[in-house]
Protein backbone atom coordinates (compact mmCIF):
# COMPACT_ATOMS: atom_id res chain seq x y z
CA MET A 1 -3.45 -16.00 -19.95
CA THR A 2 -0.16 -17.60 -18.94
CA LEU A 3 3.03 -16.10 -17.66
CA PRO A 4 5.08 -14.37 -20.35
CA ASP A 5 8.65 -15.26 -21.15
CA PRO A 6 11.30 -15.56 -19.69
CA LEU A 7 9.54 -18.01 -17.34
CA PRO A 8 7.37 -20.22 -19.55
CA ALA A 9 7.90 -23.15 -17.13
CA VAL A 10 6.18 -21.36 -14.23
CA ARG A 11 2.63 -22.60 -14.19
CA THR A 12 1.84 -23.22 -10.52
CA VAL A 13 1.90 -20.84 -7.57
CA ALA A 14 1.25 -21.68 -3.93
CA VAL A 15 0.01 -18.74 -1.85
CA VAL A 16 0.76 -18.94 1.86
CA GLY A 17 -1.31 -16.67 4.07
CA ALA A 18 -5.05 -16.06 3.85
CA GLY A 19 -5.07 -12.39 4.80
CA ARG A 20 -6.31 -9.61 2.56
CA LEU A 21 -3.42 -9.68 0.12
CA GLY A 22 -3.12 -13.46 0.09
CA ARG A 23 -6.77 -13.90 -0.85
CA ALA A 24 -6.65 -11.17 -3.50
CA LEU A 25 -3.41 -12.49 -5.02
CA ALA A 26 -4.67 -16.07 -5.18
CA ARG A 27 -7.81 -14.99 -6.99
CA ALA A 28 -5.99 -12.62 -9.35
CA LEU A 29 -3.29 -15.12 -10.31
CA ALA A 30 -5.94 -17.75 -11.01
CA GLU A 31 -7.79 -15.27 -13.21
CA ALA A 32 -4.48 -14.66 -15.02
CA GLY A 33 -4.40 -18.34 -16.01
CA LEU A 34 -2.01 -19.83 -13.46
CA GLU A 35 -2.69 -22.93 -11.39
CA VAL A 36 -2.98 -21.56 -7.86
CA HIS A 37 -2.88 -23.51 -4.62
CA GLY A 38 -4.19 -21.85 -1.49
CA PRO A 39 -4.14 -19.48 0.13
CA THR A 40 -3.10 -21.78 2.95
CA THR A 41 -3.29 -20.82 6.60
CA ARG A 42 -1.00 -21.52 9.55
CA GLY A 43 -0.45 -25.25 10.06
CA GLN A 44 -1.76 -26.31 6.65
CA PRO A 45 0.63 -28.13 4.30
CA VAL A 46 1.97 -26.11 1.39
CA PRO A 47 1.46 -27.94 -1.92
CA ALA A 48 4.35 -28.37 -4.35
CA ALA A 49 4.52 -25.49 -6.82
CA ASP A 50 6.91 -23.71 -9.15
CA VAL A 51 6.68 -20.58 -7.00
CA VAL A 52 5.63 -20.05 -3.39
CA LEU A 53 4.40 -16.59 -2.40
CA LEU A 54 4.52 -15.79 1.31
CA CYS A 55 1.71 -13.37 2.16
CA VAL A 56 2.32 -13.43 5.91
CA PRO A 57 3.17 -10.73 8.48
CA ASP A 58 6.76 -9.49 8.26
CA ALA A 59 7.72 -11.07 11.58
CA GLU A 60 6.63 -14.50 10.31
CA ILE A 61 8.42 -14.47 6.94
CA ALA A 62 11.63 -16.16 8.12
CA ASN A 63 9.82 -18.95 9.94
CA ALA A 64 7.38 -19.47 7.07
CA ALA A 65 10.24 -19.71 4.57
CA ALA A 66 12.17 -22.13 6.79
CA ALA A 67 9.11 -24.37 7.16
CA LEU A 68 8.62 -24.87 3.43
CA PRO A 69 9.21 -28.44 2.28
CA GLY A 70 11.70 -27.42 -0.41
CA THR A 71 9.48 -28.37 -3.35
CA ALA A 72 9.34 -24.86 -4.86
CA ARG A 73 11.85 -23.62 -7.38
CA LEU A 74 11.50 -20.06 -6.09
CA VAL A 75 10.13 -18.53 -2.90
CA GLY A 76 9.04 -14.92 -2.67
CA HIS A 77 7.46 -12.64 -0.10
CA THR A 78 5.01 -9.78 -0.54
CA SER A 79 6.37 -7.45 2.14
CA GLY A 80 7.27 -3.92 1.20
CA ALA A 81 9.64 -3.37 4.13
CA THR A 82 11.39 -6.70 4.83
CA PRO A 83 14.67 -7.48 3.01
CA ILE A 84 14.70 -10.49 0.69
CA ALA A 85 17.71 -12.16 2.32
CA GLY A 86 15.63 -15.15 3.45
CA VAL A 87 13.78 -15.69 0.17
CA ASP A 88 14.47 -15.54 -3.56
CA PHE A 89 12.44 -12.49 -4.53
CA GLY A 90 10.07 -9.79 -3.35
CA LEU A 91 6.76 -8.77 -4.91
CA HIS A 92 4.90 -5.86 -3.27
CA PRO A 93 1.73 -4.57 -4.96
CA LEU A 94 1.37 -0.86 -4.22
CA ARG A 95 -2.31 -0.84 -3.37
CA ALA A 96 -4.60 -1.30 -0.37
CA PHE A 97 -6.72 -4.46 -0.45
CA VAL A 98 -9.76 -5.70 1.45
CA GLY A 99 -9.39 -9.31 0.29
CA ASP A 100 -12.20 -9.89 -2.17
CA GLU A 101 -10.51 -8.26 -5.19
CA GLY A 102 -9.50 -10.06 -8.38
CA ARG A 103 -7.11 -9.33 -11.20
CA GLU A 104 -8.81 -6.07 -12.16
CA ALA A 105 -7.62 -4.50 -8.90
CA PHE A 106 -3.99 -5.07 -9.93
CA ARG A 107 -4.32 -3.65 -13.43
CA GLY A 108 -2.11 -0.59 -13.88
CA ILE A 109 -0.84 -0.35 -10.29
CA GLY A 110 2.84 -0.23 -9.37
CA CYS A 111 4.47 -3.37 -8.01
CA ALA A 112 7.87 -3.21 -6.27
CA VAL A 113 10.08 -6.14 -7.27
CA ALA A 114 13.49 -7.45 -6.20
CA GLY A 115 15.41 -10.67 -6.71
CA ARG A 116 18.55 -12.31 -5.36
CA THR A 117 19.30 -13.78 -8.80
CA PRO A 118 18.39 -12.75 -12.35
CA GLU A 119 15.96 -15.69 -12.53
CA ALA A 120 14.27 -14.65 -9.29
CA LEU A 121 13.96 -11.03 -10.42
CA ASP A 122 12.53 -12.19 -13.74
CA ALA A 123 9.99 -14.28 -11.82
CA ALA A 124 8.87 -11.30 -9.78
CA ARG A 125 8.57 -9.14 -12.88
CA ALA A 126 6.68 -11.82 -14.78
CA LEU A 127 4.21 -12.35 -11.95
CA ALA A 128 3.58 -8.60 -11.70
CA GLU A 129 2.99 -8.39 -15.45
CA ALA A 130 0.68 -11.41 -15.38
CA LEU A 131 -1.39 -9.53 -12.81
CA GLY A 132 -1.51 -6.50 -15.10
CA ALA A 133 0.68 -4.43 -12.76
CA THR A 134 3.74 -2.35 -13.63
CA PRO A 135 6.90 -3.70 -11.94
CA PHE A 136 9.57 -1.33 -10.68
CA PRO A 137 12.78 -2.28 -8.83
CA ILE A 138 13.39 -1.58 -5.14
CA ASP A 139 16.56 -2.91 -3.53
CA ASP A 140 16.93 -3.79 0.14
CA ALA A 141 18.85 -0.60 1.00
CA ARG A 142 15.87 1.54 -0.09
CA ARG A 143 13.08 -0.73 1.02
CA ALA A 144 12.37 0.93 4.40
CA ALA A 145 12.05 4.41 2.87
CA TYR A 146 9.86 3.07 0.07
CA HIS A 147 7.51 1.35 2.49
CA ALA A 148 7.39 4.39 4.77
CA ALA A 149 6.26 6.48 1.80
CA ALA A 150 3.51 3.97 1.10
CA SER A 151 2.38 4.02 4.74
CA ILE A 152 2.26 7.82 4.81
CA ALA A 153 0.27 7.92 1.57
CA SER A 154 -2.21 5.18 2.51
CA ASN A 155 -2.29 4.20 6.20
CA PHE A 156 -1.79 7.69 7.59
CA LEU A 157 -4.40 9.07 5.19
CA VAL A 158 -6.96 6.78 6.83
CA THR A 159 -5.83 7.93 10.29
CA LEU A 160 -6.18 11.54 9.18
CA GLN A 161 -9.67 10.97 7.81
CA ALA A 162 -10.64 9.28 11.07
CA ALA A 163 -9.59 12.47 12.87
CA ALA A 164 -11.62 14.58 10.44
CA GLU A 165 -14.62 12.32 11.03
CA GLN A 166 -14.21 12.70 14.79
CA VAL A 167 -14.08 16.51 14.62
CA ALA A 168 -17.03 16.59 12.22
CA GLY A 169 -19.02 14.90 14.96
CA ALA A 170 -18.68 18.10 16.99
CA ALA A 171 -20.44 19.89 14.13
CA GLY A 172 -23.37 17.50 14.47
CA LEU A 173 -22.49 15.15 11.62
CA ALA A 174 -22.94 11.43 12.10
CA PRO A 175 -19.90 9.38 11.04
CA GLU A 176 -21.55 8.03 7.89
CA ASP A 177 -22.71 11.52 6.91
CA ALA A 178 -19.25 12.98 7.54
CA ARG A 179 -17.69 10.34 5.29
CA ALA A 180 -20.23 10.92 2.53
CA LEU A 181 -19.72 14.69 2.64
CA LEU A 182 -15.93 14.71 3.03
CA ALA A 183 -15.12 11.91 0.57
CA PRO A 184 -15.58 14.04 -2.60
CA LEU A 185 -13.27 16.67 -1.09
CA VAL A 186 -10.67 14.02 -0.30
CA ARG A 187 -10.90 12.47 -3.78
CA ALA A 188 -10.57 15.84 -5.53
CA THR A 189 -7.61 16.78 -3.35
CA VAL A 190 -5.83 13.51 -4.10
CA GLU A 191 -6.47 13.90 -7.83
CA ASN A 192 -5.12 17.47 -7.75
CA TRP A 193 -2.01 16.29 -5.89
CA ALA A 194 -1.46 13.46 -8.39
CA ALA A 195 -1.89 15.75 -11.39
CA HIS A 196 -0.19 18.93 -10.20
CA GLY A 197 2.01 18.14 -7.18
CA PRO A 198 1.59 19.08 -3.50
CA ALA A 199 2.29 22.81 -3.64
CA ALA A 200 -0.17 23.49 -6.47
CA ALA A 201 -2.84 21.30 -4.88
CA LEU A 202 -2.69 23.03 -1.49
CA THR A 203 -5.70 25.16 -0.53
CA GLY A 204 -7.27 26.38 2.71
CA PRO A 205 -6.56 28.94 5.42
CA VAL A 206 -2.93 28.00 6.05
CA ALA A 207 -2.12 28.33 2.34
CA ARG A 208 -3.87 31.73 2.29
CA GLY A 209 -2.09 32.95 5.41
CA ASP A 210 -5.42 33.30 7.23
CA GLU A 211 -4.10 32.82 10.76
CA GLY A 212 -7.33 33.96 12.36
CA THR A 213 -9.25 31.09 10.78
CA VAL A 214 -6.51 28.64 11.72
CA GLU A 215 -6.77 29.76 15.35
CA ARG A 216 -10.56 29.38 15.33
CA GLN A 217 -10.13 25.88 13.94
CA ARG A 218 -7.68 25.07 16.72
CA GLU A 219 -10.13 26.32 19.33
CA GLY A 220 -12.87 24.16 17.85
CA ILE A 221 -10.66 21.07 17.97
CA ALA A 222 -9.56 21.87 21.53
CA GLU A 223 -13.20 21.84 22.57
CA ALA A 224 -14.28 18.81 20.50
CA ALA A 225 -11.24 16.54 20.62
CA PRO A 226 -8.34 18.01 22.64
CA GLU A 227 -6.27 14.86 22.14
CA LEU A 228 -5.99 15.85 18.46
CA ILE A 229 -4.33 19.22 19.16
CA PRO A 230 -0.73 17.88 18.86
CA LEU A 231 -1.62 16.34 15.50
CA PHE A 232 -3.28 19.56 14.34
CA ASP A 233 -0.29 21.68 15.37
CA VAL A 234 2.19 19.44 13.57
CA LEU A 235 0.06 19.42 10.43
CA VAL A 236 -0.30 23.21 10.49
CA ASP A 237 3.48 23.60 10.78
CA ARG A 238 4.13 21.23 7.88
CA THR A 239 1.41 22.92 5.81
CA ARG A 240 2.98 26.33 6.42
CA ALA A 241 6.29 24.95 5.16
CA LEU A 242 4.56 23.58 2.06
CA ALA A 243 2.80 26.89 1.47
CA ALA A 244 6.16 28.63 1.66
CA GLN A 245 7.43 26.35 -1.10
CA LYS A 246 4.47 27.40 -3.21
CA GLU A 247 5.31 31.07 -2.66
CA ASP A 248 8.92 30.45 -3.68
CA THR A 249 7.89 28.77 -6.94
CA PRO A 250 8.38 31.16 -9.86
């Protein structure tokens, strides 16, 4: 498969950065039929290409863009939070990667795109579509809020599950057993949230108004992992507010 119009001349892509996303993007774009160079690492020369994709940490984007030899027609970055002032376009796949994925991992996911020119925006859209993703526009003014939402949904979910795993240890569950037992609950909860929204998906003692059980939970956490009490208290407060929304829904 080759890139669809309006960019039939784009055939080569150089991927800079061999982290998780860089490796996955290089493999996926090659599977989509493009000629892919890289991913290159720090200090390696960047081959000439129609498009250069910078898959580097946000703090390194400006320096990486400035160091390019100027042989690419368009330069893009894959950051969700950094403005595109120093490059031509942005392309941010809305998914967590481990680095060994191919094109199948991009199929059907959202992909935030932005461009400083119509050609650059078309390039970002075309690359997303070549990957099988669904492009949607995010401008620089909304980029921080967009990326914060992604971090809450993905990164903070992992942090929360790590806390659950830690507390489960106090119940005698080994970490691998806790993950195996809690994972179906987490998956079902996420599916309910996706299908029905947060208020309808909410269950548990806070949603039922069972303050006695909530207090017993707090006591158990205070004994097992007292450093998690501030997190627990904040989550209980936010869950009460969400439960109140559910009660107000006609």
